[in-house]
């Protein structure tokens, strides 16, 4: 017997053994028309689709765990394995999960549909809201409360009272910004994002031994003279740093102001504006309750802010 004949004999014998083993392990694939046996549990392939059978019956609208691949899967209503699909599951109190091209439940970060998403490393639940993730040396990010997509740039968050406000997220990594920065919105302004929460600061704030004031509506940092409702007085803030430097005298009236009218109990500081158009022409809008010129007639919703 020559060497070539020996090799052929060994290969033939090996194929015979594999064939016999295949009959016992993958017999469900042998006859797609008759289907798997009545006691079969496992994957069954037909017409290019994967199905999961439990004791001979196909699983439908159900999540299953396959110990062979150590992964979770979802079987749609027609029994086919879900691929590249987001599915809402009632397990773990209800959650959105994602299955990849192999049908495996995604866990951790995932880039898809033009954005980043995050799935709990244990349950696979899609993250929504503020979340700390380990990438980029660790960062706080915001995943949209509806879609789950990571936010970038300026973002208004309002999914609960604790987090409601404006935030700034890195345009590349999505990392939440903390500190002072210049933003182009509202005509350009310096704003402060709280060093702990990341939320845009508004109103009076003490930080690092100094007072600062940020516009109640836009969050713009005050530079120069500004009315501070919390103090009920005018104050001066450094033109560069924004730090409070001392009290300021009331600014001179705007050119050609409306004639002064009696106070009438409105505590308007002796300043009278006929209407909101006059307030805006004087560059004083909005007016806050207690600020010179404020009167209830200009405050339509009686929220303490006139001529918004």
C-alpha atoms as a PDB file:
ATOM      1  CA  UNK A   1       0.000   0.000   0.000  1.00  0.00           C
ATOM      2  CA  UNK A   2       1.575   3.283  -1.079  1.00  0.00           C
ATOM      3  CA  UNK A   3       1.540   6.562   0.832  1.00  0.00           C
ATOM      4  CA  UNK A   4      -1.170   8.158  -1.315  1.00  0.00           C
ATOM      5  CA  UNK A   5      -3.545   5.261  -0.739  1.00  0.00           C
ATOM      6  CA  UNK A   6      -2.990   5.452   3.027  1.00  0.00           C
ATOM      7  CA  UNK A   7      -3.891   9.165   3.069  1.00  0.00           C
ATOM      8  CA  UNK A   8      -7.084   8.527   1.106  1.00  0.00           C
ATOM      9  CA  UNK A   9      -8.086   5.755   3.492  1.00  0.00           C
ATOM     10  CA  UNK A  10      -7.548   7.952   6.564  1.00  0.00           C
ATOM     11  CA  UNK A  11      -9.541  10.848   5.083  1.00  0.00           C
ATOM     12  CA  UNK A  12     -12.409   8.574   4.113  1.00  0.00           C
ATOM     13  CA  UNK A  13     -12.517   7.080   7.577  1.00  0.00           C
ATOM     14  CA  UNK A  14     -12.519  10.548   9.165  1.00  0.00           C
ATOM     15  CA  UNK A  15     -15.402  11.736   6.998  1.00  0.00           C
ATOM     16  CA  UNK A  16     -17.385   8.656   7.927  1.00  0.00           C
ATOM     17  CA  UNK A  17     -16.927   9.389  11.638  1.00  0.00           C
ATOM     18  CA  UNK A  18     -17.915  13.053  11.184  1.00  0.00           C
ATOM     19  CA  UNK A  19     -20.975  11.980   9.229  1.00  0.00           C
ATOM     20  CA  UNK A  20     -22.062   9.607  11.984  1.00  0.00           C
ATOM     21  CA  UNK A  21     -21.542  12.282  14.654  1.00  0.00           C
ATOM     22  CA  UNK A  22     -23.429  14.799  12.544  1.00  0.00           C
ATOM     23  CA  UNK A  23     -26.458  12.539  12.428  1.00  0.00           C
ATOM     24  CA  UNK A  24     -26.701  12.570  16.212  1.00  0.00           C
ATOM     25  CA  UNK A  25     -25.846  16.229  16.815  1.00  0.00           C
ATOM     26  CA  UNK A  26     -27.421  18.001  13.818  1.00  0.00           C
ATOM     27  CA  UNK A  27     -30.088  15.569  12.676  1.00  0.00           C
ATOM     28  CA  UNK A  28     -32.636  18.435  12.834  1.00  0.00           C
ATOM     29  CA  UNK A  29     -30.985  19.953   9.768  1.00  0.00           C
ATOM     30  CA  UNK A  30     -31.202  16.769   7.731  1.00  0.00           C
ATOM     31  CA  UNK A  31     -34.832  17.014   6.635  1.00  0.00           C
ATOM     32  CA  UNK A  32     -36.216  20.542   6.447  1.00  0.00           C
ATOM     33  CA  UNK A  33     -39.613  19.358   5.239  1.00  0.00           C
ATOM     34  CA  UNK A  34     -40.381  16.936   8.039  1.00  0.00           C
ATOM     35  CA  UNK A  35     -38.950  19.263  10.711  1.00  0.00           C
ATOM     36  CA  UNK A  36     -37.110  18.336  13.913  1.00  0.00           C
ATOM     37  CA  UNK A  37     -38.070  15.373  16.062  1.00  0.00           C
ATOM     38  CA  UNK A  38     -40.727  15.666  18.774  1.00  0.00           C
ATOM     39  CA  UNK A  39     -38.146  15.753  21.585  1.00  0.00           C
ATOM     40  CA  UNK A  40     -35.667  18.090  19.855  1.00  0.00           C
ATOM     41  CA  UNK A  41     -34.448  21.264  21.623  1.00  0.00           C
ATOM     42  CA  UNK A  42     -32.053  23.594  19.850  1.00  0.00           C
ATOM     43  CA  UNK A  43     -31.537  25.529  16.648  1.00  0.00           C
ATOM     44  CA  UNK A  44     -33.200  24.463  13.416  1.00  0.00           C
ATOM     45  CA  UNK A  45     -32.430  26.082  10.063  1.00  0.00           C
ATOM     46  CA  UNK A  46     -34.866  26.318   7.189  1.00  0.00           C
ATOM     47  CA  UNK A  47     -34.838  28.516   4.064  1.00  0.00           C
ATOM     48  CA  UNK A  48     -31.886  30.486   5.400  1.00  0.00           C
ATOM     49  CA  UNK A  49     -33.661  31.354   8.681  1.00  0.00           C
ATOM     50  CA  UNK A  50     -32.804  30.153  12.174  1.00  0.00           C
ATOM     51  CA  UNK A  51     -35.509  28.860  14.501  1.00  0.00           C
ATOM     52  CA  UNK A  52     -35.314  27.678  18.089  1.00  0.00           C
ATOM     53  CA  UNK A  53     -37.225  24.545  19.018  1.00  0.00           C
ATOM     54  CA  UNK A  54     -38.148  23.419  22.510  1.00  0.00           C
ATOM     55  CA  UNK A  55     -39.200  19.772  22.716  1.00  0.00           C
ATOM     56  CA  UNK A  56     -40.117  19.773  19.063  1.00  0.00           C
ATOM     57  CA  UNK A  57     -42.104  23.054  19.039  1.00  0.00           C
ATOM     58  CA  UNK A  58     -40.813  26.379  17.656  1.00  0.00           C
ATOM     59  CA  UNK A  59     -40.440  29.267  20.113  1.00  0.00           C
ATOM     60  CA  UNK A  60     -42.392  32.383  19.094  1.00  0.00           C
ATOM     61  CA  UNK A  61     -42.371  35.948  20.473  1.00  0.00           C
ATOM     62  CA  UNK A  62     -39.966  34.799  23.137  1.00  0.00           C
ATOM     63  CA  UNK A  63     -36.453  35.463  24.403  1.00  0.00           C
ATOM     64  CA  UNK A  64     -34.276  32.411  24.888  1.00  0.00           C
ATOM     65  CA  UNK A  65     -30.828  31.689  26.251  1.00  0.00           C
ATOM     66  CA  UNK A  66     -28.571  29.353  24.274  1.00  0.00           C
ATOM     67  CA  UNK A  67     -25.863  27.882  26.549  1.00  0.00           C
ATOM     68  CA  UNK A  68     -23.964  26.686  23.487  1.00  0.00           C
ATOM     69  CA  UNK A  69     -23.198  30.245  22.376  1.00  0.00           C
ATOM     70  CA  UNK A  70     -23.636  31.832  25.826  1.00  0.00           C
ATOM     71  CA  UNK A  71     -25.973  34.458  24.366  1.00  0.00           C
ATOM     72  CA  UNK A  72     -29.578  35.648  24.540  1.00  0.00           C
ATOM     73  CA  UNK A  73     -31.786  35.689  21.453  1.00  0.00           C
ATOM     74  CA  UNK A  74     -35.276  36.827  20.469  1.00  0.00           C
ATOM     75  CA  UNK A  75     -37.648  34.803  18.321  1.00  0.00           C
ATOM     76  CA  UNK A  76     -40.222  36.863  16.427  1.00  0.00           C
ATOM     77  CA  UNK A  77     -43.903  35.986  16.109  1.00  0.00           C
ATOM     78  CA  UNK A  78     -43.145  33.844  13.046  1.00  0.00           C
ATOM     79  CA  UNK A  79     -40.433  31.979  14.971  1.00  0.00           C
ATOM     80  CA  UNK A  80     -37.475  33.483  13.095  1.00  0.00           C
ATOM     81  CA  UNK A  81     -34.416  34.740  14.966  1.00  0.00           C
ATOM     82  CA  UNK A  82     -34.313  38.552  15.278  1.00  0.00           C
ATOM     83  CA  UNK A  83     -31.244  40.140  13.660  1.00  0.00           C
ATOM     84  CA  UNK A  84     -30.174  43.797  13.642  1.00  0.00           C
ATOM     85  CA  UNK A  85     -33.325  44.727  15.492  1.00  0.00           C
ATOM     86  CA  UNK A  86     -34.449  46.613  18.613  1.00  0.00           C
ATOM     87  CA  UNK A  87     -37.089  44.789  20.638  1.00  0.00           C
ATOM     88  CA  UNK A  88     -39.086  45.758  23.734  1.00  0.00           C
ATOM     89  CA  UNK A  89     -39.064  42.972  26.340  1.00  0.00           C
ATOM     90  CA  UNK A  90     -41.216  42.692  29.462  1.00  0.00           C
ATOM     91  CA  UNK A  91     -38.395  41.090  31.477  1.00  0.00           C
ATOM     92  CA  UNK A  92     -36.402  43.041  34.091  1.00  0.00           C
ATOM     93  CA  UNK A  93     -39.324  45.417  34.582  1.00  0.00           C
ATOM     94  CA  UNK A  94     -39.536  46.215  30.857  1.00  0.00           C
ATOM     95  CA  UNK A  95     -36.618  47.214  28.634  1.00  0.00           C
ATOM     96  CA  UNK A  96     -35.528  47.958  25.088  1.00  0.00           C
ATOM     97  CA  UNK A  97     -32.747  45.680  23.884  1.00  0.00           C
ATOM     98  CA  UNK A  98     -30.856  45.241  20.607  1.00  0.00           C
ATOM     99  CA  UNK A  99     -29.898  42.112  18.718  1.00  0.00           C
ATOM    100  CA  UNK A 100     -26.890  42.222  16.367  1.00  0.00           C
ATOM    101  CA  UNK A 101     -26.323  40.644  12.956  1.00  0.00           C
ATOM    102  CA  UNK A 102     -25.778  37.249  14.601  1.00  0.00           C
ATOM    103  CA  UNK A 103     -28.925  37.523  16.681  1.00  0.00           C
ATOM    104  CA  UNK A 104     -26.955  38.037  19.931  1.00  0.00           C
ATOM    105  CA  UNK A 105     -28.264  40.531  22.482  1.00  0.00           C
ATOM    106  CA  UNK A 106     -25.969  43.567  22.478  1.00  0.00           C
ATOM    107  CA  UNK A 107     -24.276  44.675  25.688  1.00  0.00           C
ATOM    108  CA  UNK A 108     -22.092  47.728  26.299  1.00  0.00           C
ATOM    109  CA  UNK A 109     -21.609  50.523  23.733  1.00  0.00           C
ATOM    110  CA  UNK A 110     -22.914  50.115  20.199  1.00  0.00           C
ATOM    111  CA  UNK A 111     -22.678  52.443  17.190  1.00  0.00           C
ATOM    112  CA  UNK A 112     -25.670  52.229  14.889  1.00  0.00           C
ATOM    113  CA  UNK A 113     -28.180  54.445  13.057  1.00  0.00           C
ATOM    114  CA  UNK A 114     -25.682  57.295  12.997  1.00  0.00           C
ATOM    115  CA  UNK A 115     -25.128  57.468  16.751  1.00  0.00           C
ATOM    116  CA  UNK A 116     -23.895  55.772  19.919  1.00  0.00           C
ATOM    117  CA  UNK A 117     -26.058  53.726  22.261  1.00  0.00           C
ATOM    118  CA  UNK A 118     -25.351  51.899  25.511  1.00  0.00           C
ATOM    119  CA  UNK A 119     -26.768  48.591  26.723  1.00  0.00           C
ATOM    120  CA  UNK A 120     -26.502  47.352  30.290  1.00  0.00           C
ATOM    121  CA  UNK A 121     -23.653  44.813  30.548  1.00  0.00           C
ATOM    122  CA  UNK A 122     -25.869  42.449  32.586  1.00  0.00           C
ATOM    123  CA  UNK A 123     -29.471  42.880  31.437  1.00  0.00           C
ATOM    124  CA  UNK A 124     -28.857  44.318  27.970  1.00  0.00           C
ATOM    125  CA  UNK A 125     -31.343  47.146  28.673  1.00  0.00           C
ATOM    126  CA  UNK A 126     -30.878  50.226  26.462  1.00  0.00           C
ATOM    127  CA  UNK A 127     -29.667  53.186  28.543  1.00  0.00           C
ATOM    128  CA  UNK A 128     -31.772  56.353  28.588  1.00  0.00           C
ATOM    129  CA  UNK A 129     -31.064  59.541  30.514  1.00  0.00           C
ATOM    130  CA  UNK A 130     -27.791  60.447  32.249  1.00  0.00           C
ATOM    131  CA  UNK A 131     -25.309  57.610  32.419  1.00  0.00           C
ATOM    132  CA  UNK A 132     -21.675  57.119  33.417  1.00  0.00           C
ATOM    133  CA  UNK A 133     -19.795  54.947  30.905  1.00  0.00           C
ATOM    134  CA  UNK A 134     -16.199  53.676  31.132  1.00  0.00           C
ATOM    135  CA  UNK A 135     -15.011  54.671  27.638  1.00  0.00           C
ATOM    136  CA  UNK A 136     -12.681  57.672  27.124  1.00  0.00           C
ATOM    137  CA  UNK A 137     -11.316  57.174  30.664  1.00  0.00           C
ATOM    138  CA  UNK A 138     -14.856  57.436  32.052  1.00  0.00           C
ATOM    139  CA  UNK A 139     -17.460  60.093  31.264  1.00  0.00           C
ATOM    140  CA  UNK A 140     -21.006  61.222  31.993  1.00  0.00           C
ATOM    141  CA  UNK A 141     -23.182  61.262  28.898  1.00  0.00           C
ATOM    142  CA  UNK A 142     -26.869  61.693  28.053  1.00  0.00           C
ATOM    143  CA  UNK A 143     -28.848  59.152  26.078  1.00  0.00           C
ATOM    144  CA  UNK A 144     -32.059  60.540  24.591  1.00  0.00           C
ATOM    145  CA  UNK A 145     -35.043  59.631  26.764  1.00  0.00           C
ATOM    146  CA  UNK A 146     -37.018  58.427  23.734  1.00  0.00           C
ATOM    147  CA  UNK A 147     -34.531  57.097  21.173  1.00  0.00           C
ATOM    148  CA  UNK A 148     -31.591  56.170  23.422  1.00  0.00           C
ATOM    149  CA  UNK A 149     -29.099  57.933  21.116  1.00  0.00           C
ATOM    150  CA  UNK A 150     -26.129  59.700  22.759  1.00  0.00           C
ATOM    151  CA  UNK A 151     -26.406  63.519  22.785  1.00  0.00           C
ATOM    152  CA  UNK A 152     -23.737  65.896  21.462  1.00  0.00           C
ATOM    153  CA  UNK A 153     -23.429  69.676  21.710  1.00  0.00           C
ATOM    154  CA  UNK A 154     -25.947  71.840  23.596  1.00  0.00           C
ATOM    155  CA  UNK A 155     -28.877  69.797  24.846  1.00  0.00           C
ATOM    156  CA  UNK A 156     -31.973  70.617  26.878  1.00  0.00           C
ATOM    157  CA  UNK A 157     -32.883  67.760  29.222  1.00  0.00           C
ATOM    158  CA  UNK A 158     -36.289  67.477  30.863  1.00  0.00           C
ATOM    159  CA  UNK A 159     -37.015  63.823  31.623  1.00  0.00           C
ATOM    160  CA  UNK A 160     -37.201  64.460  35.384  1.00  0.00           C
ATOM    161  CA  UNK A 161     -37.087  67.397  37.808  1.00  0.00           C
ATOM    162  CA  UNK A 162     -33.560  66.642  39.029  1.00  0.00           C
ATOM    163  CA  UNK A 163     -31.957  66.854  35.601  1.00  0.00           C
ATOM    164  CA  UNK A 164     -34.096  69.495  33.876  1.00  0.00           C
ATOM    165  CA  UNK A 165     -31.918  72.181  32.306  1.00  0.00           C
ATOM    166  CA  UNK A 166     -29.332  72.916  29.636  1.00  0.00           C
ATOM    167  CA  UNK A 167     -26.141  70.874  29.294  1.00  0.00           C
ATOM    168  CA  UNK A 168     -23.158  70.791  26.957  1.00  0.00           C
ATOM    169  CA  UNK A 169     -21.759  67.524  25.598  1.00  0.00           C
ATOM    170  CA  UNK A 170     -18.543  67.079  23.630  1.00  0.00           C
ATOM    171  CA  UNK A 171     -19.230  67.050  19.886  1.00  0.00           C
ATOM    172  CA  UNK A 172     -17.028  63.968  19.415  1.00  0.00           C
ATOM    173  CA  UNK A 173     -17.141  61.874  22.594  1.00  0.00           C
ATOM    174  CA  UNK A 174     -20.453  63.047  24.077  1.00  0.00           C
ATOM    175  CA  UNK A 175     -18.745  63.670  27.432  1.00  0.00           C
ATOM    176  CA  UNK A 176     -20.604  66.135  29.675  1.00  0.00           C
ATOM    177  CA  UNK A 177     -18.836  69.498  30.051  1.00  0.00           C
ATOM    178  CA  UNK A 178     -18.261  71.133  33.444  1.00  0.00           C
ATOM    179  CA  UNK A 179     -17.045  74.702  33.941  1.00  0.00           C
ATOM    180  CA  UNK A 180     -17.127  78.056  32.118  1.00  0.00           C
ATOM    181  CA  UNK A 181     -17.199  78.239  28.341  1.00  0.00           C
ATOM    182  CA  UNK A 182     -18.287  80.432  25.454  1.00  0.00           C
ATOM    183  CA  UNK A 183     -21.236  79.194  23.393  1.00  0.00           C
ATOM    184  CA  UNK A 184     -22.590  80.742  20.168  1.00  0.00           C
ATOM    185  CA  UNK A 185     -26.291  80.502  21.061  1.00  0.00           C
ATOM    186  CA  UNK A 186     -28.323  83.611  21.997  1.00  0.00           C
ATOM    187  CA  UNK A 187     -25.915  85.772  20.009  1.00  0.00           C
ATOM    188  CA  UNK A 188     -22.855  84.410  21.847  1.00  0.00           C
ATOM    189  CA  UNK A 189     -22.366  84.295  25.601  1.00  0.00           C
ATOM    190  CA  UNK A 190     -20.199  83.013  28.427  1.00  0.00           C
ATOM    191  CA  UNK A 191     -22.033  80.450  30.531  1.00  0.00           C
ATOM    192  CA  UNK A 192     -21.228  78.129  33.413  1.00  0.00           C
ATOM    193  CA  UNK A 193     -22.035  74.445  33.658  1.00  0.00           C
ATOM    194  CA  UNK A 194     -22.072  73.310  37.276  1.00  0.00           C
ATOM    195  CA  UNK A 195     -18.829  71.531  38.186  1.00  0.00           C
ATOM    196  CA  UNK A 196     -20.757  68.651  39.783  1.00  0.00           C
ATOM    197  CA  UNK A 197     -24.101  68.282  37.981  1.00  0.00           C
ATOM    198  CA  UNK A 198     -23.103  69.715  34.598  1.00  0.00           C
ATOM    199  CA  UNK A 199     -26.332  71.744  34.466  1.00  0.00           C
ATOM    200  CA  UNK A 200     -26.191  75.323  33.145  1.00  0.00           C
ATOM    201  CA  UNK A 201     -26.116  77.771  36.071  1.00  0.00           C
ATOM    202  CA  UNK A 202     -28.757  80.507  36.242  1.00  0.00           C
ATOM    203  CA  UNK A 203     -29.164  83.308  38.765  1.00  0.00           C
ATOM    204  CA  UNK A 204     -26.783  84.190  41.578  1.00  0.00           C
ATOM    205  CA  UNK A 205     -24.006  81.723  42.384  1.00  0.00           C
ATOM    206  CA  UNK A 206     -21.071  81.669  44.796  1.00  0.00           C
ATOM    207  CA  UNK A 207     -17.992  79.784  43.631  1.00  0.00           C
ATOM    208  CA  UNK A 208     -14.355  79.815  44.702  1.00  0.00           C
ATOM    209  CA  UNK A 209     -14.873  82.670  47.134  1.00  0.00           C
ATOM    210  CA  UNK A 210     -16.656  85.008  44.711  1.00  0.00           C
ATOM    211  CA  UNK A 211     -20.176  85.841  43.537  1.00  0.00           C
ATOM    212  CA  UNK A 212     -21.312  85.562  39.924  1.00  0.00           C
ATOM    213  CA  UNK A 213     -24.598  86.285  38.242  1.00  0.00           C
ATOM    214  CA  UNK A 214     -26.099  84.440  35.270  1.00  0.00           C
ATOM    215  CA  UNK A 215     -29.124  85.601  33.318  1.00  0.00           C
ATOM    216  CA  UNK A 216     -32.282  83.823  34.496  1.00  0.00           C
ATOM    217  CA  UNK A 217     -33.439  83.165  30.932  1.00  0.00           C
ATOM    218  CA  UNK A 218     -30.293  82.620  28.829  1.00  0.00           C
ATOM    219  CA  UNK A 219     -27.686  81.708  31.455  1.00  0.00           C
ATOM    220  CA  UNK A 220     -25.346  84.406  30.125  1.00  0.00           C
ATOM    221  CA  UNK A 221     -22.680  85.435  32.652  1.00  0.00           C
ATOM    222  CA  UNK A 222     -22.997  89.074  33.778  1.00  0.00           C
ATOM    223  CA  UNK A 223     -20.129  91.438  32.987  1.00  0.00           C
ATOM    224  CA  UNK A 224     -20.359  95.060  34.091  1.00  0.00           C
ATOM    225  CA  UNK A 225     -23.478  96.385  35.806  1.00  0.00           C
ATOM    226  CA  UNK A 226     -26.400  93.985  36.231  1.00  0.00           C
ATOM    227  CA  UNK A 227     -29.605  93.871  38.231  1.00  0.00           C
ATOM    228  CA  UNK A 228     -29.554  91.022  40.747  1.00  0.00           C
ATOM    229  CA  UNK A 229     -33.099  90.066  41.829  1.00  0.00           C
ATOM    230  CA  UNK A 230     -31.807  87.947  44.709  1.00  0.00           C
ATOM    231  CA  UNK A 231     -30.161  91.042  46.180  1.00  0.00           C
ATOM    232  CA  UNK A 232     -32.796  93.468  44.895  1.00  0.00           C
ATOM    233  CA  UNK A 233     -30.072  95.853  43.738  1.00  0.00           C
ATOM    234  CA  UNK A 234     -27.662  96.689  40.959  1.00  0.00           C
ATOM    235  CA  UNK A 235     -24.207  95.141  41.200  1.00  0.00           C
ATOM    236  CA  UNK A 236     -21.001  95.330  39.219  1.00  0.00           C
ATOM    237  CA  UNK A 237     -19.235  92.255  37.869  1.00  0.00           C
ATOM    238  CA  UNK A 238     -15.720  92.223  36.454  1.00  0.00           C
ATOM    239  CA  UNK A 239     -15.697  92.815  32.702  1.00  0.00           C
ATOM    240  CA  UNK A 240     -13.399  89.840  32.104  1.00  0.00           C
ATOM    241  CA  UNK A 241     -13.854  87.276  34.881  1.00  0.00           C
ATOM    242  CA  UNK A 242     -17.475  88.019  35.829  1.00  0.00           C
ATOM    243  CA  UNK A 243     -16.612  88.148  39.553  1.00  0.00           C
ATOM    244  CA  UNK A 244     -18.698  90.491  41.711  1.00  0.00           C
ATOM    245  CA  UNK A 245     -16.696  93.589  42.563  1.00  0.00           C
ATOM    246  CA  UNK A 246     -19.254  95.728  44.441  1.00  0.00           C
ATOM    247  CA  UNK A 247     -22.547  97.529  44.265  1.00  0.00           C
ATOM    248  CA  UNK A 248     -23.373  99.680  41.279  1.00  0.00           C
ATOM    249  CA  UNK A 249     -25.510 102.791  41.017  1.00  0.00           C
ATOM    250  CA  UNK A 250     -28.742 102.688  39.087  1.00  0.00           C
ATOM    251  CA  UNK A 251     -28.024 103.223  35.359  1.00  0.00           C
ATOM    252  CA  UNK A 252     -29.071 106.481  33.763  1.00  0.00           C
ATOM    253  CA  UNK A 253     -32.463 106.448  32.015  1.00  0.00           C
ATOM    254  CA  UNK A 254     -32.522 105.571  28.337  1.00  0.00           C
ATOM    255  CA  UNK A 255     -32.596 108.470  25.845  1.00  0.00           C
ATOM    256  CA  UNK A 256     -36.019 110.163  25.642  1.00  0.00           C
ATOM    257  CA  UNK A 257     -37.616 108.080  28.394  1.00  0.00           C
ATOM    258  CA  UNK A 258     -41.326 108.117  29.077  1.00  0.00           C
ATOM    259  CA  UNK A 259     -42.324 110.761  31.659  1.00  0.00           C
ATOM    260  CA  UNK A 260     -42.113 109.527  35.219  1.00  0.00           C
ATOM    261  CA  UNK A 261     -45.361 108.549  36.833  1.00  0.00           C
ATOM    262  CA  UNK A 262     -46.278 108.167  40.489  1.00  0.00           C
ATOM    263  CA  UNK A 263     -45.242 104.898  42.115  1.00  0.00           C
ATOM    264  CA  UNK A 264     -48.879 103.881  42.739  1.00  0.00           C
ATOM    265  CA  UNK A 265     -47.702 101.218  45.132  1.00  0.00           C
ATOM    266  CA  UNK A 266     -46.010  99.167  42.425  1.00  0.00           C
ATOM    267  CA  UNK A 267     -42.518  99.640  43.886  1.00  0.00           C
ATOM    268  CA  UNK A 268     -41.138 100.577  40.451  1.00  0.00           C
ATOM    269  CA  UNK A 269     -38.310 102.645  41.864  1.00  0.00           C
ATOM    270  CA  UNK A 270     -39.564 105.837  40.278  1.00  0.00           C
ATOM    271  CA  UNK A 271     -38.991 104.461  36.766  1.00  0.00           C
ATOM    272  CA  UNK A 272     -42.013 104.143  34.491  1.00  0.00           C
ATOM    273  CA  UNK A 273     -42.322 102.369  31.144  1.00  0.00           C
ATOM    274  CA  UNK A 274     -45.532 102.843  29.173  1.00  0.00           C
ATOM    275  CA  UNK A 275     -45.372  99.340  27.691  1.00  0.00           C
ATOM    276  CA  UNK A 276     -42.994  96.463  26.919  1.00  0.00           C
ATOM    277  CA  UNK A 277     -41.945  98.131  23.688  1.00  0.00           C
ATOM    278  CA  UNK A 278     -40.570 100.984  25.788  1.00  0.00           C
ATOM    279  CA  UNK A 279     -38.812  98.486  28.069  1.00  0.00           C
ATOM    280  CA  UNK A 280     -37.157  96.821  25.115  1.00  0.00           C
ATOM    281  CA  UNK A 281     -36.222 100.149  23.538  1.00  0.00           C
ATOM    282  CA  UNK A 282     -34.466 101.029  26.791  1.00  0.00           C
ATOM    283  CA  UNK A 283     -32.610  97.721  26.708  1.00  0.00           C
ATOM    284  CA  UNK A 284     -34.098  96.624  30.043  1.00  0.00           C
ATOM    285  CA  UNK A 285     -36.121  93.569  29.018  1.00  0.00           C
ATOM    286  CA  UNK A 286     -36.881  91.371  30.787  1.00  0.00           C
ATOM    287  CA  UNK A 287     -37.805  93.174  34.010  1.00  0.00           C
ATOM    288  CA  UNK A 288     -37.927  91.241  37.278  1.00  0.00           C
ATOM    289  CA  UNK A 289     -40.239  91.936  40.217  1.00  0.00           C
ATOM    290  CA  UNK A 290     -38.512  94.506  42.446  1.00  0.00           C
ATOM    291  CA  UNK A 291     -36.432  95.880  39.586  1.00  0.00           C
ATOM    292  CA  UNK A 292     -36.906  99.588  38.723  1.00  0.00           C
ATOM    293  CA  UNK A 293     -39.712  99.938  36.178  1.00  0.00           C
ATOM    294  CA  UNK A 294     -41.387  96.634  36.943  1.00  0.00           C
ATOM    295  CA  UNK A 295     -45.160  96.747  37.425  1.00  0.00           C
ATOM    296  CA  UNK A 296     -47.800  93.990  37.323  1.00  0.00           C
ATOM    297  CA  UNK A 297     -49.434  95.435  34.195  1.00  0.00           C
ATOM    298  CA  UNK A 298     -46.329  94.437  32.218  1.00  0.00           C
ATOM    299  CA  UNK A 299     -46.229  90.939  33.701  1.00  0.00           C
ATOM    300  CA  UNK A 300     -48.968  89.064  31.823  1.00  0.00           C
ATOM    301  CA  UNK A 301     -48.542  85.688  33.515  1.00  0.00           C
ATOM    302  CA  UNK A 302     -47.705  87.176  36.922  1.00  0.00           C
ATOM    303  CA  UNK A 303     -44.552  85.070  37.235  1.00  0.00           C
ATOM    304  CA  UNK A 304     -42.413  87.956  38.433  1.00  0.00           C
ATOM    305  CA  UNK A 305     -40.825  88.490  35.009  1.00  0.00           C
ATOM    306  CA  UNK A 306     -42.227  91.285  32.821  1.00  0.00           C
ATOM    307  CA  UNK A 307     -41.687  91.780  29.081  1.00  0.00           C
ATOM    308  CA  UNK A 308     -40.124  88.350  28.552  1.00  0.00           C
END
